[in-house]
N, C-alpha and C. Protein backbone atom coordinates (compact mmCIF):
# COMPACT_ATOMS: atom_id res chain seq x y z
N MET A 1 0.86 -1.17 0.00
CA MET A 1 0.00 0.00 0.00
C MET A 1 0.91 1.23 0.00
N PRO A 2 0.78 2.11 -1.03
CA PRO A 2 1.63 3.29 -1.11
C PRO A 2 1.36 4.25 0.03
N GLY A 3 2.41 4.86 0.52
CA GLY A 3 2.29 5.84 1.58
C GLY A 3 2.21 5.24 2.96
N ALA A 4 2.27 3.91 3.07
CA ALA A 4 2.20 3.28 4.39
C ALA A 4 3.51 3.49 5.13
N SER A 5 3.41 3.71 6.42
CA SER A 5 4.60 3.92 7.24
C SER A 5 5.36 2.61 7.38
N GLN A 6 6.68 2.67 7.20
CA GLN A 6 7.51 1.47 7.34
C GLN A 6 8.40 1.56 8.57
N GLY A 7 8.20 2.57 9.37
CA GLY A 7 9.05 2.76 10.54
C GLY A 7 8.29 2.42 11.80
N THR A 8 8.45 3.23 12.82
CA THR A 8 7.81 3.03 14.10
C THR A 8 6.30 3.26 13.97
N PRO A 9 5.46 2.35 14.52
CA PRO A 9 4.02 2.55 14.44
C PRO A 9 3.62 3.86 15.12
N GLY A 10 2.73 4.60 14.49
CA GLY A 10 2.26 5.86 15.04
C GLY A 10 3.17 7.04 14.73
N ALA A 11 4.31 6.80 14.09
CA ALA A 11 5.22 7.89 13.75
C ALA A 11 4.75 8.57 12.48
N ARG A 12 5.29 9.74 12.23
CA ARG A 12 4.92 10.43 11.01
C ARG A 12 5.43 9.64 9.81
N PRO A 13 4.79 9.78 8.65
CA PRO A 13 5.22 9.01 7.47
C PRO A 13 6.66 9.34 7.08
N LEU A 14 7.35 8.34 6.60
CA LEU A 14 8.74 8.53 6.20
C LEU A 14 8.79 9.20 4.84
N VAL A 15 9.75 10.09 4.66
CA VAL A 15 9.89 10.82 3.41
C VAL A 15 11.07 10.23 2.65
N GLY A 16 10.89 10.01 1.36
CA GLY A 16 11.97 9.46 0.54
C GLY A 16 13.14 10.44 0.46
N PHE A 17 14.35 9.92 0.41
CA PHE A 17 15.55 10.74 0.32
C PHE A 17 16.27 10.36 -0.95
N GLY A 18 16.00 11.09 -2.03
CA GLY A 18 16.65 10.80 -3.31
C GLY A 18 16.30 9.42 -3.79
N THR A 19 17.30 8.63 -4.07
CA THR A 19 17.08 7.28 -4.58
C THR A 19 17.23 6.23 -3.49
N PHE A 20 17.41 6.66 -2.25
CA PHE A 20 17.66 5.71 -1.17
C PHE A 20 16.38 5.21 -0.52
N GLY A 21 15.23 5.71 -0.92
CA GLY A 21 13.98 5.28 -0.32
C GLY A 21 13.76 5.99 1.00
N PRO A 22 12.80 5.50 1.78
CA PRO A 22 12.50 6.17 3.04
C PRO A 22 13.65 6.07 4.03
N VAL A 23 13.87 7.14 4.75
CA VAL A 23 14.97 7.19 5.71
C VAL A 23 14.37 7.30 7.11
N ASP A 24 14.73 6.39 7.97
CA ASP A 24 14.29 6.43 9.36
C ASP A 24 15.41 7.08 10.15
N LYS A 25 15.19 8.29 10.62
CA LYS A 25 16.27 9.05 11.26
C LYS A 25 16.75 8.38 12.54
N LYS A 26 15.85 7.71 13.25
CA LYS A 26 16.25 7.04 14.48
C LYS A 26 17.23 5.90 14.19
N ASN A 27 16.95 5.12 13.14
CA ASN A 27 17.86 4.03 12.79
C ASN A 27 19.18 4.57 12.26
N ALA A 28 19.13 5.66 11.51
CA ALA A 28 20.37 6.25 11.00
C ALA A 28 21.22 6.78 12.15
N LEU A 29 20.59 7.41 13.12
CA LEU A 29 21.32 7.92 14.28
C LEU A 29 21.92 6.77 15.08
N ARG A 30 21.16 5.70 15.23
CA ARG A 30 21.65 4.53 15.96
C ARG A 30 22.86 3.92 15.25
N ALA A 31 22.77 3.79 13.92
CA ALA A 31 23.89 3.22 13.16
C ALA A 31 25.12 4.12 13.23
N GLY A 32 24.91 5.43 13.16
CA GLY A 32 26.04 6.36 13.26
C GLY A 32 26.70 6.31 14.62
N ALA A 33 25.89 6.22 15.67
CA ALA A 33 26.46 6.14 17.03
C ALA A 33 27.24 4.85 17.21
N LEU A 34 26.72 3.76 16.65
CA LEU A 34 27.42 2.48 16.76
C LEU A 34 28.74 2.53 16.01
N ALA A 35 28.75 3.10 14.82
CA ALA A 35 29.99 3.20 14.04
C ALA A 35 31.00 4.09 14.75
N ALA A 36 30.54 5.23 15.28
CA ALA A 36 31.45 6.13 15.97
C ALA A 36 32.01 5.48 17.24
N GLY A 37 31.17 4.80 17.99
CA GLY A 37 31.62 4.12 19.21
C GLY A 37 32.62 3.02 18.92
N THR A 38 32.36 2.24 17.88
CA THR A 38 33.28 1.17 17.50
C THR A 38 34.63 1.75 17.09
N THR A 39 34.59 2.81 16.29
CA THR A 39 35.84 3.44 15.85
C THR A 39 36.62 4.00 17.04
N LEU A 40 35.93 4.65 17.94
CA LEU A 40 36.59 5.22 19.12
C LEU A 40 37.23 4.14 19.97
N MET A 41 36.51 3.04 20.19
CA MET A 41 37.07 1.95 21.00
C MET A 41 38.30 1.33 20.33
N MET A 42 38.24 1.18 19.01
CA MET A 42 39.41 0.61 18.31
C MET A 42 40.60 1.55 18.41
N LEU A 43 40.36 2.86 18.31
CA LEU A 43 41.46 3.81 18.42
C LEU A 43 42.05 3.81 19.83
N LEU A 44 41.20 3.70 20.82
CA LEU A 44 41.70 3.69 22.20
C LEU A 44 42.45 2.41 22.52
N MET A 45 41.99 1.28 22.00
CA MET A 45 42.63 0.00 22.31
C MET A 45 43.97 -0.16 21.59
N SER A 46 44.13 0.50 20.46
CA SER A 46 45.39 0.37 19.72
C SER A 46 46.20 1.66 19.83
N SER A 47 46.37 2.11 21.03
CA SER A 47 47.05 3.37 21.28
C SER A 47 48.51 3.31 20.83
N PRO A 48 49.01 4.34 20.15
CA PRO A 48 50.41 4.35 19.74
C PRO A 48 51.37 4.39 20.92
N ALA A 49 50.88 4.77 22.11
CA ALA A 49 51.75 4.81 23.28
C ALA A 49 52.25 3.41 23.63
N LEU A 50 51.52 2.38 23.21
CA LEU A 50 51.95 1.01 23.48
C LEU A 50 53.19 0.65 22.66
N ALA A 51 53.50 1.42 21.63
CA ALA A 51 54.65 1.12 20.79
C ALA A 51 55.95 1.64 21.37
N LEU A 52 55.91 2.36 22.49
CA LEU A 52 57.13 2.90 23.07
C LEU A 52 57.99 1.82 23.70
N ALA A 53 57.38 0.81 24.28
CA ALA A 53 58.14 -0.26 24.93
C ALA A 53 58.50 -1.31 23.88
N ARG A 54 59.77 -1.61 23.78
CA ARG A 54 60.23 -2.61 22.82
C ARG A 54 59.91 -4.01 23.32
N ASP A 55 59.49 -4.87 22.43
CA ASP A 55 59.23 -6.26 22.77
C ASP A 55 60.47 -7.09 22.48
N ASP A 56 60.53 -8.27 23.11
CA ASP A 56 61.64 -9.18 22.83
C ASP A 56 61.60 -9.59 21.36
N GLY A 57 62.74 -9.57 20.72
CA GLY A 57 62.82 -9.98 19.33
C GLY A 57 62.59 -8.86 18.34
N ASP A 58 62.27 -7.67 18.81
CA ASP A 58 62.09 -6.55 17.89
C ASP A 58 63.42 -6.18 17.27
N ASP A 59 63.43 -6.03 15.99
CA ASP A 59 64.64 -5.60 15.29
C ASP A 59 64.21 -4.69 14.14
N PRO A 60 63.81 -3.44 14.47
CA PRO A 60 63.32 -2.56 13.42
C PRO A 60 64.44 -2.19 12.45
N GLY A 61 64.09 -2.15 11.19
CA GLY A 61 65.07 -1.78 10.17
C GLY A 61 65.14 -0.28 10.02
N PRO A 62 65.92 0.17 9.07
CA PRO A 62 66.02 1.61 8.83
C PRO A 62 64.68 2.15 8.30
N GLY A 63 64.40 3.40 8.60
CA GLY A 63 63.15 4.01 8.15
C GLY A 63 63.15 4.27 6.66
N LEU A 64 61.96 4.51 6.11
CA LEU A 64 61.83 4.82 4.69
C LEU A 64 61.89 6.32 4.48
N SER A 65 62.47 6.72 3.35
CA SER A 65 62.46 8.14 2.99
C SER A 65 61.07 8.50 2.46
N VAL A 66 60.84 9.78 2.23
CA VAL A 66 59.54 10.22 1.71
C VAL A 66 59.29 9.63 0.33
N ILE A 67 60.31 9.62 -0.51
CA ILE A 67 60.18 9.09 -1.87
C ILE A 67 59.87 7.60 -1.82
N GLU A 68 60.59 6.85 -0.97
CA GLU A 68 60.33 5.42 -0.85
C GLU A 68 58.92 5.14 -0.33
N THR A 69 58.47 5.94 0.63
CA THR A 69 57.13 5.77 1.18
C THR A 69 56.07 6.03 0.12
N LEU A 70 56.20 7.13 -0.62
CA LEU A 70 55.24 7.43 -1.68
C LEU A 70 55.26 6.36 -2.77
N GLY A 71 56.45 5.90 -3.12
CA GLY A 71 56.55 4.85 -4.13
C GLY A 71 55.88 3.56 -3.70
N GLN A 72 56.10 3.18 -2.45
CA GLN A 72 55.58 1.91 -1.96
C GLN A 72 54.08 1.96 -1.68
N PHE A 73 53.58 3.05 -1.13
CA PHE A 73 52.19 3.08 -0.69
C PHE A 73 51.26 3.86 -1.61
N VAL A 74 51.79 4.58 -2.60
CA VAL A 74 50.94 5.32 -3.54
C VAL A 74 51.19 4.85 -4.97
N LEU A 75 52.44 4.94 -5.42
CA LEU A 75 52.74 4.63 -6.81
C LEU A 75 52.56 3.15 -7.14
N ALA A 76 53.07 2.26 -6.31
CA ALA A 76 52.96 0.82 -6.59
C ALA A 76 51.50 0.35 -6.66
N PRO A 77 50.61 0.74 -5.73
CA PRO A 77 49.21 0.33 -5.88
C PRO A 77 48.54 0.90 -7.13
N LEU A 78 48.87 2.15 -7.50
CA LEU A 78 48.30 2.72 -8.72
C LEU A 78 48.76 1.97 -9.96
N VAL A 79 50.03 1.62 -10.01
CA VAL A 79 50.56 0.86 -11.14
C VAL A 79 49.91 -0.51 -11.19
N LEU A 80 49.80 -1.17 -10.05
CA LEU A 80 49.15 -2.48 -10.01
C LEU A 80 47.71 -2.40 -10.49
N PHE A 81 46.97 -1.38 -10.05
CA PHE A 81 45.60 -1.20 -10.48
C PHE A 81 45.53 -1.01 -11.99
N ALA A 82 46.42 -0.17 -12.53
CA ALA A 82 46.43 0.09 -13.97
C ALA A 82 46.75 -1.17 -14.77
N VAL A 83 47.70 -1.96 -14.29
CA VAL A 83 48.06 -3.20 -14.99
C VAL A 83 46.88 -4.18 -14.99
N ILE A 84 46.24 -4.36 -13.84
CA ILE A 84 45.10 -5.28 -13.75
C ILE A 84 43.95 -4.79 -14.62
N ALA A 85 43.63 -3.49 -14.55
CA ALA A 85 42.54 -2.95 -15.37
C ALA A 85 42.87 -3.09 -16.86
N GLY A 86 44.12 -2.84 -17.23
CA GLY A 86 44.53 -3.01 -18.63
C GLY A 86 44.40 -4.44 -19.09
N LEU A 87 44.83 -5.39 -18.27
CA LEU A 87 44.71 -6.80 -18.64
C LEU A 87 43.25 -7.21 -18.79
N VAL A 88 42.40 -6.73 -17.90
CA VAL A 88 40.98 -7.06 -17.99
C VAL A 88 40.39 -6.51 -19.29
N MET A 89 40.73 -5.27 -19.63
CA MET A 89 40.18 -4.67 -20.85
C MET A 89 40.72 -5.36 -22.11
N VAL A 90 42.01 -5.70 -22.12
CA VAL A 90 42.61 -6.32 -23.31
C VAL A 90 42.10 -7.75 -23.48
N LEU A 91 41.98 -8.49 -22.39
CA LEU A 91 41.60 -9.89 -22.49
C LEU A 91 40.09 -10.12 -22.50
N ASP A 92 39.31 -9.05 -22.39
CA ASP A 92 37.86 -9.18 -22.41
C ASP A 92 37.42 -9.49 -23.84
N ARG A 93 36.73 -10.60 -24.01
CA ARG A 93 36.31 -11.04 -25.33
C ARG A 93 34.81 -10.83 -25.56
N SER A 94 34.18 -10.02 -24.75
CA SER A 94 32.76 -9.79 -24.90
C SER A 94 32.48 -9.08 -26.22
N THR A 95 31.38 -9.46 -26.84
CA THR A 95 31.03 -8.86 -28.13
C THR A 95 29.83 -7.94 -28.02
N ASP A 96 29.24 -7.82 -26.85
CA ASP A 96 28.02 -7.02 -26.71
C ASP A 96 28.34 -5.60 -26.23
N ARG A 97 29.42 -5.02 -26.70
CA ARG A 97 29.82 -3.70 -26.26
C ARG A 97 29.19 -2.60 -27.11
N GLN A 98 28.58 -2.96 -28.24
CA GLN A 98 27.96 -1.97 -29.09
C GLN A 98 26.69 -1.45 -28.44
N PRO A 99 26.41 -0.14 -28.57
CA PRO A 99 25.17 0.38 -27.99
C PRO A 99 23.97 -0.24 -28.69
N LYS A 100 22.95 -0.52 -27.92
CA LYS A 100 21.74 -1.11 -28.45
C LYS A 100 21.01 -0.08 -29.31
N ALA A 101 20.56 -0.51 -30.48
CA ALA A 101 19.79 0.39 -31.36
C ALA A 101 18.39 0.52 -30.79
N LYS A 102 17.95 1.76 -30.68
CA LYS A 102 16.60 1.99 -30.14
C LYS A 102 15.57 1.60 -31.18
N ALA A 103 14.56 0.94 -30.73
CA ALA A 103 13.47 0.55 -31.64
C ALA A 103 12.72 1.80 -32.08
N LYS A 104 12.47 1.84 -33.39
CA LYS A 104 11.76 3.01 -33.92
C LYS A 104 10.29 2.91 -33.50
N ALA A 105 9.76 4.03 -33.05
CA ALA A 105 8.37 4.07 -32.63
C ALA A 105 7.46 3.97 -33.85
N LYS A 106 6.49 3.07 -33.76
CA LYS A 106 5.54 2.92 -34.86
C LYS A 106 4.46 3.99 -34.71
N ALA A 107 4.23 4.70 -35.80
CA ALA A 107 3.23 5.77 -35.76
C ALA A 107 1.85 5.28 -36.09
């Protein structure tokens, strides 16, 4: 039945939000609070202050320069992505890439 409430009984009707359908603000707030709380707990539990004490067997190597860091964490993933995307496009044997001809309207 169109216009029927899908949220809390007795609440005002839900209003569509673009293409996402009806939005229940209470559920959205609950989901946001849960995500924020989970993120906060993970940040607190993995505090960088715990890295000050060395563990047995730690043998850190020399640090990376800025160029090495950018190359390893930015350039290498971009190159890998480009190579994989290129291989997919070159090896794709699909023949249905032509745009579909629109049927002419009969008058």
